[in-house]
Amino acid sequence: MESGKKMRILIDTNVLFSALLFPNSKPAKALLHVADYHEIVLCETNITELRNILERKAPRYLPDAEVLFAEMSYELIPAISHAEKLIRDAKDQPILNAAIVSNVDIILTGDKDFLSLEIERPKCMSVAQFLESEDMRE
């Protein structure tokens, strides 16, 4: 990726979840970096998924998630369900479709289904890969 270029980065649910629950974690660091230097893109599906996971696993973090969504600057893109199947997990397909149609540069994720995709754009990166690409190694 070109350094200095503002990229459109879709933050996947697992990165949002980790950043919320562990504010000193690498996912939190990556989210803050994207907020400062790039454009955050969220898919409706990611927001719904995050709320559902928090309700089940960590309900006390729900208010924090709502504050994050209210105060964070991001572009909200709709999920798009019709497309040829590119990804193993069917529930990830609308997110991938939305990222492609919305011209996202990077999907920041911990999801192995995304990370194993052999696609040029959007580039699927783990938090560690992203931090390294942005010269933010620990």
N, C-alpha and C. Protein backbone atom coordinates (compact mmCIF):
# COMPACT_ATOMS: atom_id res chain seq x y z
N MET A 1 0.84 -1.18 0.00
CA MET A 1 0.00 0.00 0.00
C MET A 1 0.89 1.25 0.00
N GLU A 2 0.40 2.28 -0.67
CA GLU A 2 1.17 3.51 -0.72
C GLU A 2 1.12 4.17 0.65
N SER A 3 2.29 4.60 1.13
CA SER A 3 2.28 5.27 2.42
C SER A 3 1.79 6.70 2.21
N GLY A 4 1.10 7.22 3.17
CA GLY A 4 0.60 8.57 3.09
C GLY A 4 -0.76 8.67 2.41
N LYS A 5 -1.17 7.64 1.70
CA LYS A 5 -2.47 7.67 1.01
C LYS A 5 -3.56 7.29 2.02
N LYS A 6 -4.61 8.10 2.03
CA LYS A 6 -5.74 7.77 2.90
C LYS A 6 -6.48 6.59 2.30
N MET A 7 -6.60 5.53 3.07
CA MET A 7 -7.28 4.34 2.57
C MET A 7 -8.65 4.19 3.22
N ARG A 8 -9.53 3.51 2.51
CA ARG A 8 -10.84 3.16 3.05
C ARG A 8 -10.71 1.76 3.65
N ILE A 9 -10.89 1.67 4.97
CA ILE A 9 -10.63 0.41 5.66
C ILE A 9 -11.89 -0.07 6.39
N LEU A 10 -12.36 -1.24 5.97
CA LEU A 10 -13.52 -1.84 6.62
C LEU A 10 -13.02 -2.59 7.85
N ILE A 11 -13.59 -2.26 9.01
CA ILE A 11 -13.20 -2.90 10.26
C ILE A 11 -14.19 -4.03 10.52
N ASP A 12 -13.69 -5.26 10.58
CA ASP A 12 -14.55 -6.42 10.79
C ASP A 12 -14.98 -6.51 12.26
N THR A 13 -16.05 -7.25 12.48
CA THR A 13 -16.66 -7.37 13.81
C THR A 13 -15.66 -7.81 14.88
N ASN A 14 -14.82 -8.81 14.56
CA ASN A 14 -13.90 -9.34 15.58
C ASN A 14 -12.89 -8.30 16.03
N VAL A 15 -12.50 -7.39 15.13
CA VAL A 15 -11.55 -6.33 15.49
C VAL A 15 -12.26 -5.30 16.38
N LEU A 16 -13.50 -4.95 16.02
CA LEU A 16 -14.28 -4.02 16.85
C LEU A 16 -14.49 -4.58 18.26
N PHE A 17 -14.83 -5.88 18.32
CA PHE A 17 -15.08 -6.55 19.60
C PHE A 17 -13.83 -6.51 20.48
N SER A 18 -12.69 -6.89 19.91
CA SER A 18 -11.44 -6.90 20.68
C SER A 18 -11.03 -5.50 21.12
N ALA A 19 -11.21 -4.52 20.23
CA ALA A 19 -10.84 -3.14 20.55
C ALA A 19 -11.69 -2.60 21.70
N LEU A 20 -12.97 -2.96 21.71
CA LEU A 20 -13.88 -2.51 22.77
C LEU A 20 -13.53 -3.13 24.12
N LEU A 21 -13.31 -4.45 24.10
CA LEU A 21 -13.09 -5.16 25.36
C LEU A 21 -11.67 -4.98 25.90
N PHE A 22 -10.73 -4.77 24.99
CA PHE A 22 -9.33 -4.68 25.40
C PHE A 22 -8.71 -3.40 24.84
N PRO A 23 -8.93 -2.26 25.53
CA PRO A 23 -8.52 -0.96 24.99
C PRO A 23 -7.01 -0.80 24.78
N ASN A 24 -6.19 -1.66 25.37
CA ASN A 24 -4.74 -1.56 25.16
C ASN A 24 -4.22 -2.61 24.18
N SER A 25 -5.13 -3.28 23.49
CA SER A 25 -4.75 -4.36 22.58
C SER A 25 -4.31 -3.83 21.22
N LYS A 26 -3.73 -4.73 20.43
CA LYS A 26 -3.36 -4.37 19.06
C LYS A 26 -4.58 -3.99 18.21
N PRO A 27 -5.71 -4.72 18.32
CA PRO A 27 -6.89 -4.29 17.57
C PRO A 27 -7.32 -2.85 17.93
N ALA A 28 -7.24 -2.49 19.22
CA ALA A 28 -7.59 -1.12 19.63
C ALA A 28 -6.61 -0.12 19.03
N LYS A 29 -5.34 -0.47 19.06
CA LYS A 29 -4.30 0.39 18.49
C LYS A 29 -4.53 0.58 16.98
N ALA A 30 -4.86 -0.51 16.30
CA ALA A 30 -5.12 -0.45 14.86
C ALA A 30 -6.36 0.41 14.56
N LEU A 31 -7.42 0.24 15.36
CA LEU A 31 -8.65 1.02 15.16
C LEU A 31 -8.37 2.51 15.34
N LEU A 32 -7.63 2.86 16.37
CA LEU A 32 -7.29 4.27 16.60
C LEU A 32 -6.44 4.82 15.45
N HIS A 33 -5.52 4.01 14.96
CA HIS A 33 -4.66 4.43 13.86
C HIS A 33 -5.49 4.68 12.59
N VAL A 34 -6.42 3.76 12.31
CA VAL A 34 -7.29 3.94 11.14
C VAL A 34 -8.11 5.21 11.32
N ALA A 35 -8.65 5.43 12.51
CA ALA A 35 -9.46 6.63 12.78
C ALA A 35 -8.64 7.91 12.55
N ASP A 36 -7.36 7.88 12.91
CA ASP A 36 -6.50 9.06 12.78
C ASP A 36 -6.01 9.31 11.35
N TYR A 37 -5.71 8.23 10.61
CA TYR A 37 -5.00 8.40 9.34
C TYR A 37 -5.75 7.90 8.10
N HIS A 38 -6.83 7.21 8.29
CA HIS A 38 -7.55 6.64 7.15
C HIS A 38 -9.05 6.87 7.33
N GLU A 39 -9.86 6.26 6.50
CA GLU A 39 -11.31 6.36 6.63
C GLU A 39 -11.86 5.03 7.09
N ILE A 40 -12.62 5.06 8.19
CA ILE A 40 -13.25 3.84 8.70
C ILE A 40 -14.53 3.59 7.92
N VAL A 41 -14.67 2.36 7.47
CA VAL A 41 -15.90 1.94 6.81
C VAL A 41 -16.47 0.79 7.64
N LEU A 42 -17.76 0.86 7.93
CA LEU A 42 -18.44 -0.22 8.65
C LEU A 42 -19.62 -0.68 7.82
N CYS A 43 -19.83 -1.96 7.80
CA CYS A 43 -20.99 -2.54 7.13
C CYS A 43 -22.10 -2.71 8.18
N GLU A 44 -23.34 -2.47 7.76
CA GLU A 44 -24.48 -2.66 8.68
C GLU A 44 -24.40 -4.01 9.39
N THR A 45 -24.00 -5.03 8.65
CA THR A 45 -23.92 -6.39 9.21
C THR A 45 -22.94 -6.45 10.38
N ASN A 46 -21.81 -5.73 10.27
CA ASN A 46 -20.82 -5.73 11.35
C ASN A 46 -21.39 -5.12 12.63
N ILE A 47 -22.15 -4.05 12.48
CA ILE A 47 -22.72 -3.38 13.65
C ILE A 47 -23.75 -4.28 14.32
N THR A 48 -24.61 -4.89 13.51
CA THR A 48 -25.61 -5.82 14.06
C THR A 48 -24.94 -7.01 14.73
N GLU A 49 -23.92 -7.56 14.06
CA GLU A 49 -23.18 -8.70 14.60
C GLU A 49 -22.53 -8.35 15.93
N LEU A 50 -21.90 -7.18 16.00
CA LEU A 50 -21.23 -6.76 17.23
C LEU A 50 -22.24 -6.64 18.37
N ARG A 51 -23.37 -6.01 18.11
CA ARG A 51 -24.41 -5.87 19.15
C ARG A 51 -24.88 -7.24 19.64
N ASN A 52 -25.09 -8.18 18.70
CA ASN A 52 -25.55 -9.53 19.07
C ASN A 52 -24.50 -10.27 19.91
N ILE A 53 -23.24 -10.18 19.52
CA ILE A 53 -22.17 -10.85 20.27
C ILE A 53 -22.04 -10.25 21.67
N LEU A 54 -22.10 -8.93 21.75
CA LEU A 54 -22.00 -8.28 23.06
C LEU A 54 -23.18 -8.66 23.95
N GLU A 55 -24.38 -8.70 23.39
CA GLU A 55 -25.55 -9.11 24.18
C GLU A 55 -25.35 -10.50 24.77
N ARG A 56 -24.77 -11.40 23.98
CA ARG A 56 -24.55 -12.77 24.45
C ARG A 56 -23.35 -12.91 25.38
N LYS A 57 -22.22 -12.28 25.02
CA LYS A 57 -20.97 -12.58 25.71
C LYS A 57 -20.49 -11.50 26.69
N ALA A 58 -20.85 -10.25 26.44
CA ALA A 58 -20.32 -9.16 27.27
C ALA A 58 -21.30 -7.99 27.31
N PRO A 59 -22.52 -8.23 27.86
CA PRO A 59 -23.56 -7.20 27.80
C PRO A 59 -23.17 -5.87 28.44
N ARG A 60 -22.25 -5.89 29.40
CA ARG A 60 -21.89 -4.61 30.04
C ARG A 60 -21.12 -3.69 29.09
N TYR A 61 -20.66 -4.23 27.95
CA TYR A 61 -19.94 -3.39 26.97
C TYR A 61 -20.87 -2.79 25.91
N LEU A 62 -22.15 -3.16 25.93
CA LEU A 62 -23.10 -2.61 24.95
C LEU A 62 -23.14 -1.07 24.95
N PRO A 63 -23.24 -0.44 26.14
CA PRO A 63 -23.24 1.04 26.14
C PRO A 63 -21.96 1.62 25.53
N ASP A 64 -20.82 0.97 25.78
CA ASP A 64 -19.55 1.43 25.20
C ASP A 64 -19.60 1.35 23.68
N ALA A 65 -20.20 0.28 23.16
CA ALA A 65 -20.31 0.11 21.71
C ALA A 65 -21.17 1.23 21.13
N GLU A 66 -22.27 1.56 21.82
CA GLU A 66 -23.16 2.61 21.32
C GLU A 66 -22.45 3.96 21.32
N VAL A 67 -21.64 4.22 22.35
CA VAL A 67 -20.85 5.47 22.41
C VAL A 67 -19.84 5.48 21.25
N LEU A 68 -19.20 4.35 21.02
CA LEU A 68 -18.23 4.25 19.92
C LEU A 68 -18.90 4.57 18.59
N PHE A 69 -20.06 3.96 18.32
CA PHE A 69 -20.76 4.20 17.06
C PHE A 69 -21.24 5.65 16.95
N ALA A 70 -21.60 6.25 18.08
CA ALA A 70 -22.10 7.62 18.06
C ALA A 70 -20.97 8.64 17.85
N GLU A 71 -19.79 8.33 18.39
CA GLU A 71 -18.71 9.33 18.38
C GLU A 71 -17.64 9.10 17.32
N MET A 72 -17.54 7.89 16.84
CA MET A 72 -16.51 7.57 15.85
C MET A 72 -16.98 8.03 14.47
N SER A 73 -16.09 8.56 13.70
CA SER A 73 -16.43 8.98 12.35
C SER A 73 -16.23 7.79 11.40
N TYR A 74 -17.29 7.40 10.70
CA TYR A 74 -17.18 6.27 9.79
C TYR A 74 -18.24 6.37 8.70
N GLU A 75 -17.97 5.66 7.62
CA GLU A 75 -18.96 5.56 6.55
C GLU A 75 -19.69 4.24 6.73
N LEU A 76 -21.01 4.29 6.74
CA LEU A 76 -21.82 3.09 6.90
C LEU A 76 -22.24 2.61 5.52
N ILE A 77 -21.93 1.36 5.21
CA ILE A 77 -22.30 0.81 3.91
C ILE A 77 -23.30 -0.33 4.11
N PRO A 78 -24.24 -0.46 3.18
CA PRO A 78 -25.24 -1.53 3.32
C PRO A 78 -24.65 -2.89 2.94
N ALA A 79 -25.14 -3.93 3.59
CA ALA A 79 -24.76 -5.30 3.23
C ALA A 79 -25.38 -5.61 1.87
N ILE A 80 -24.68 -6.37 1.07
CA ILE A 80 -25.17 -6.73 -0.26
C ILE A 80 -25.12 -8.25 -0.37
N SER A 81 -26.30 -8.88 -0.45
CA SER A 81 -26.32 -10.34 -0.35
C SER A 81 -26.19 -11.08 -1.66
N HIS A 82 -26.55 -10.49 -2.80
CA HIS A 82 -26.48 -11.25 -4.04
C HIS A 82 -25.10 -11.10 -4.70
N ALA A 83 -24.49 -12.23 -4.96
CA ALA A 83 -23.20 -12.26 -5.66
C ALA A 83 -22.77 -13.71 -5.75
N GLU A 84 -21.79 -13.94 -6.62
CA GLU A 84 -21.26 -15.30 -6.65
C GLU A 84 -20.50 -15.54 -5.35
N LYS A 85 -20.46 -16.78 -4.94
CA LYS A 85 -19.84 -17.10 -3.66
C LYS A 85 -18.32 -17.02 -3.75
N LEU A 86 -17.74 -16.15 -2.94
CA LEU A 86 -16.29 -15.98 -2.92
C LEU A 86 -15.68 -16.46 -1.61
N ILE A 87 -16.51 -16.54 -0.56
CA ILE A 87 -15.98 -16.81 0.77
C ILE A 87 -16.71 -18.00 1.38
N ARG A 88 -16.00 -18.79 2.18
CA ARG A 88 -16.55 -20.02 2.73
C ARG A 88 -17.77 -19.79 3.60
N ASP A 89 -17.68 -18.83 4.52
CA ASP A 89 -18.76 -18.59 5.48
C ASP A 89 -19.82 -17.67 4.85
N ALA A 90 -20.99 -18.21 4.61
CA ALA A 90 -22.06 -17.46 3.93
C ALA A 90 -22.40 -16.15 4.63
N LYS A 91 -22.28 -16.10 5.97
CA LYS A 91 -22.65 -14.85 6.65
C LYS A 91 -21.62 -13.75 6.42
N ASP A 92 -20.44 -14.10 5.93
CA ASP A 92 -19.43 -13.09 5.60
C ASP A 92 -19.59 -12.53 4.19
N GLN A 93 -20.33 -13.25 3.35
CA GLN A 93 -20.47 -12.85 1.94
C GLN A 93 -21.04 -11.43 1.77
N PRO A 94 -22.14 -11.07 2.48
CA PRO A 94 -22.67 -9.70 2.30
C PRO A 94 -21.66 -8.61 2.68
N ILE A 95 -20.81 -8.90 3.67
CA ILE A 95 -19.80 -7.93 4.09
C ILE A 95 -18.74 -7.80 3.00
N LEU A 96 -18.30 -8.93 2.46
CA LEU A 96 -17.31 -8.91 1.37
C LEU A 96 -17.89 -8.19 0.15
N ASN A 97 -19.13 -8.52 -0.22
CA ASN A 97 -19.77 -7.86 -1.36
C ASN A 97 -19.82 -6.34 -1.16
N ALA A 98 -20.23 -5.93 0.03
CA ALA A 98 -20.34 -4.50 0.34
C ALA A 98 -18.97 -3.83 0.22
N ALA A 99 -17.93 -4.49 0.71
CA ALA A 99 -16.59 -3.93 0.64
C ALA A 99 -16.13 -3.76 -0.80
N ILE A 100 -16.44 -4.74 -1.64
CA ILE A 100 -16.05 -4.68 -3.05
C ILE A 100 -16.81 -3.55 -3.76
N VAL A 101 -18.12 -3.53 -3.60
CA VAL A 101 -18.96 -2.53 -4.26
C VAL A 101 -18.63 -1.11 -3.77
N SER A 102 -18.27 -0.98 -2.50
CA SER A 102 -17.98 0.34 -1.92
C SER A 102 -16.53 0.76 -2.09
N ASN A 103 -15.78 -0.02 -2.84
CA ASN A 103 -14.41 0.35 -3.16
C ASN A 103 -13.51 0.50 -1.93
N VAL A 104 -13.63 -0.46 -1.01
CA VAL A 104 -12.81 -0.48 0.20
C VAL A 104 -11.41 -0.97 -0.19
N ASP A 105 -10.38 -0.38 0.43
CA ASP A 105 -8.99 -0.79 0.16
C ASP A 105 -8.59 -2.02 0.96
N ILE A 106 -8.97 -2.03 2.24
CA ILE A 106 -8.53 -3.09 3.15
C ILE A 106 -9.70 -3.54 4.02
N ILE A 107 -9.79 -4.85 4.24
CA ILE A 107 -10.68 -5.38 5.28
C ILE A 107 -9.76 -5.78 6.42
N LEU A 108 -9.92 -5.12 7.56
CA LEU A 108 -9.10 -5.41 8.74
C LEU A 108 -9.85 -6.43 9.57
N THR A 109 -9.28 -7.64 9.70
CA THR A 109 -10.04 -8.75 10.28
C THR A 109 -9.13 -9.77 10.96
N GLY A 110 -9.74 -10.54 11.83
CA GLY A 110 -9.06 -11.70 12.41
C GLY A 110 -9.69 -12.98 11.89
N ASP A 111 -10.64 -12.85 10.97
CA ASP A 111 -11.40 -13.98 10.44
C ASP A 111 -10.59 -14.73 9.38
N LYS A 112 -10.31 -16.00 9.66
CA LYS A 112 -9.49 -16.80 8.74
C LYS A 112 -10.13 -16.95 7.36
N ASP A 113 -11.46 -16.92 7.29
CA ASP A 113 -12.12 -17.01 5.98
C ASP A 113 -11.78 -15.80 5.11
N PHE A 114 -11.76 -14.63 5.71
CA PHE A 114 -11.35 -13.44 4.96
C PHE A 114 -9.86 -13.49 4.64
N LEU A 115 -9.07 -13.84 5.65
CA LEU A 115 -7.61 -13.81 5.49
C LEU A 115 -7.10 -14.83 4.47
N SER A 116 -7.87 -15.88 4.21
CA SER A 116 -7.43 -16.89 3.25
C SER A 116 -7.88 -16.57 1.82
N LEU A 117 -8.66 -15.50 1.64
CA LEU A 117 -9.12 -15.13 0.30
C LEU A 117 -7.94 -14.70 -0.57
N GLU A 118 -7.99 -15.14 -1.82
CA GLU A 118 -6.94 -14.76 -2.77
C GLU A 118 -7.49 -13.66 -3.68
N ILE A 119 -7.79 -12.51 -3.11
CA ILE A 119 -8.30 -11.43 -3.94
C ILE A 119 -7.37 -10.23 -3.84
N GLU A 120 -7.32 -9.49 -4.93
CA GLU A 120 -6.45 -8.32 -5.03
C GLU A 120 -6.99 -7.15 -4.22
N ARG A 121 -8.31 -6.94 -4.33
CA ARG A 121 -8.92 -5.80 -3.68
C ARG A 121 -10.35 -6.15 -3.30
N PRO A 122 -10.79 -5.89 -2.11
CA PRO A 122 -10.00 -5.32 -1.04
C PRO A 122 -8.98 -6.31 -0.49
N LYS A 123 -7.88 -5.80 -0.01
CA LYS A 123 -6.85 -6.65 0.59
C LYS A 123 -7.33 -6.99 2.00
N CYS A 124 -7.32 -8.26 2.34
CA CYS A 124 -7.72 -8.70 3.68
C CYS A 124 -6.46 -8.82 4.53
N MET A 125 -6.44 -8.10 5.64
CA MET A 125 -5.24 -8.08 6.49
C MET A 125 -5.61 -8.33 7.95
N SER A 126 -4.71 -9.03 8.63
CA SER A 126 -4.87 -9.18 10.08
C SER A 126 -4.39 -7.88 10.72
N VAL A 127 -4.70 -7.70 11.99
CA VAL A 127 -4.25 -6.52 12.73
C VAL A 127 -2.72 -6.44 12.68
N ALA A 128 -2.05 -7.57 12.90
CA ALA A 128 -0.58 -7.59 12.90
C ALA A 128 -0.03 -7.17 11.54
N GLN A 129 -0.61 -7.71 10.46
CA GLN A 129 -0.16 -7.34 9.11
C GLN A 129 -0.38 -5.85 8.86
N PHE A 130 -1.53 -5.35 9.29
CA PHE A 130 -1.84 -3.94 9.07
C PHE A 130 -0.86 -3.04 9.83
N LEU A 131 -0.66 -3.35 11.11
CA LEU A 131 0.25 -2.52 11.91
C LEU A 131 1.66 -2.53 11.30
N GLU A 132 2.07 -3.69 10.81
CA GLU A 132 3.38 -3.79 10.17
C GLU A 132 3.43 -2.96 8.88
N SER A 133 2.36 -3.03 8.10
CA SER A 133 2.32 -2.26 6.84
C SER A 133 2.31 -0.76 7.09
N GLU A 134 1.85 -0.35 8.26
CA GLU A 134 1.81 1.06 8.62
C GLU A 134 3.05 1.45 9.45
N ASP A 135 4.04 0.54 9.48
CA ASP A 135 5.27 0.76 10.26
C ASP A 135 5.01 1.00 11.74
N MET A 136 4.12 0.18 12.30
CA MET A 136 3.79 0.30 13.72
C MET A 136 4.08 -1.00 14.45
N ARG A 137 5.17 -1.65 14.10
CA ARG A 137 5.52 -2.89 14.79
C ARG A 137 5.77 -2.62 16.25
N GLU A 138 5.47 -3.63 17.05
CA GLU A 138 5.71 -3.52 18.50
C GLU A 138 7.19 -3.55 18.78
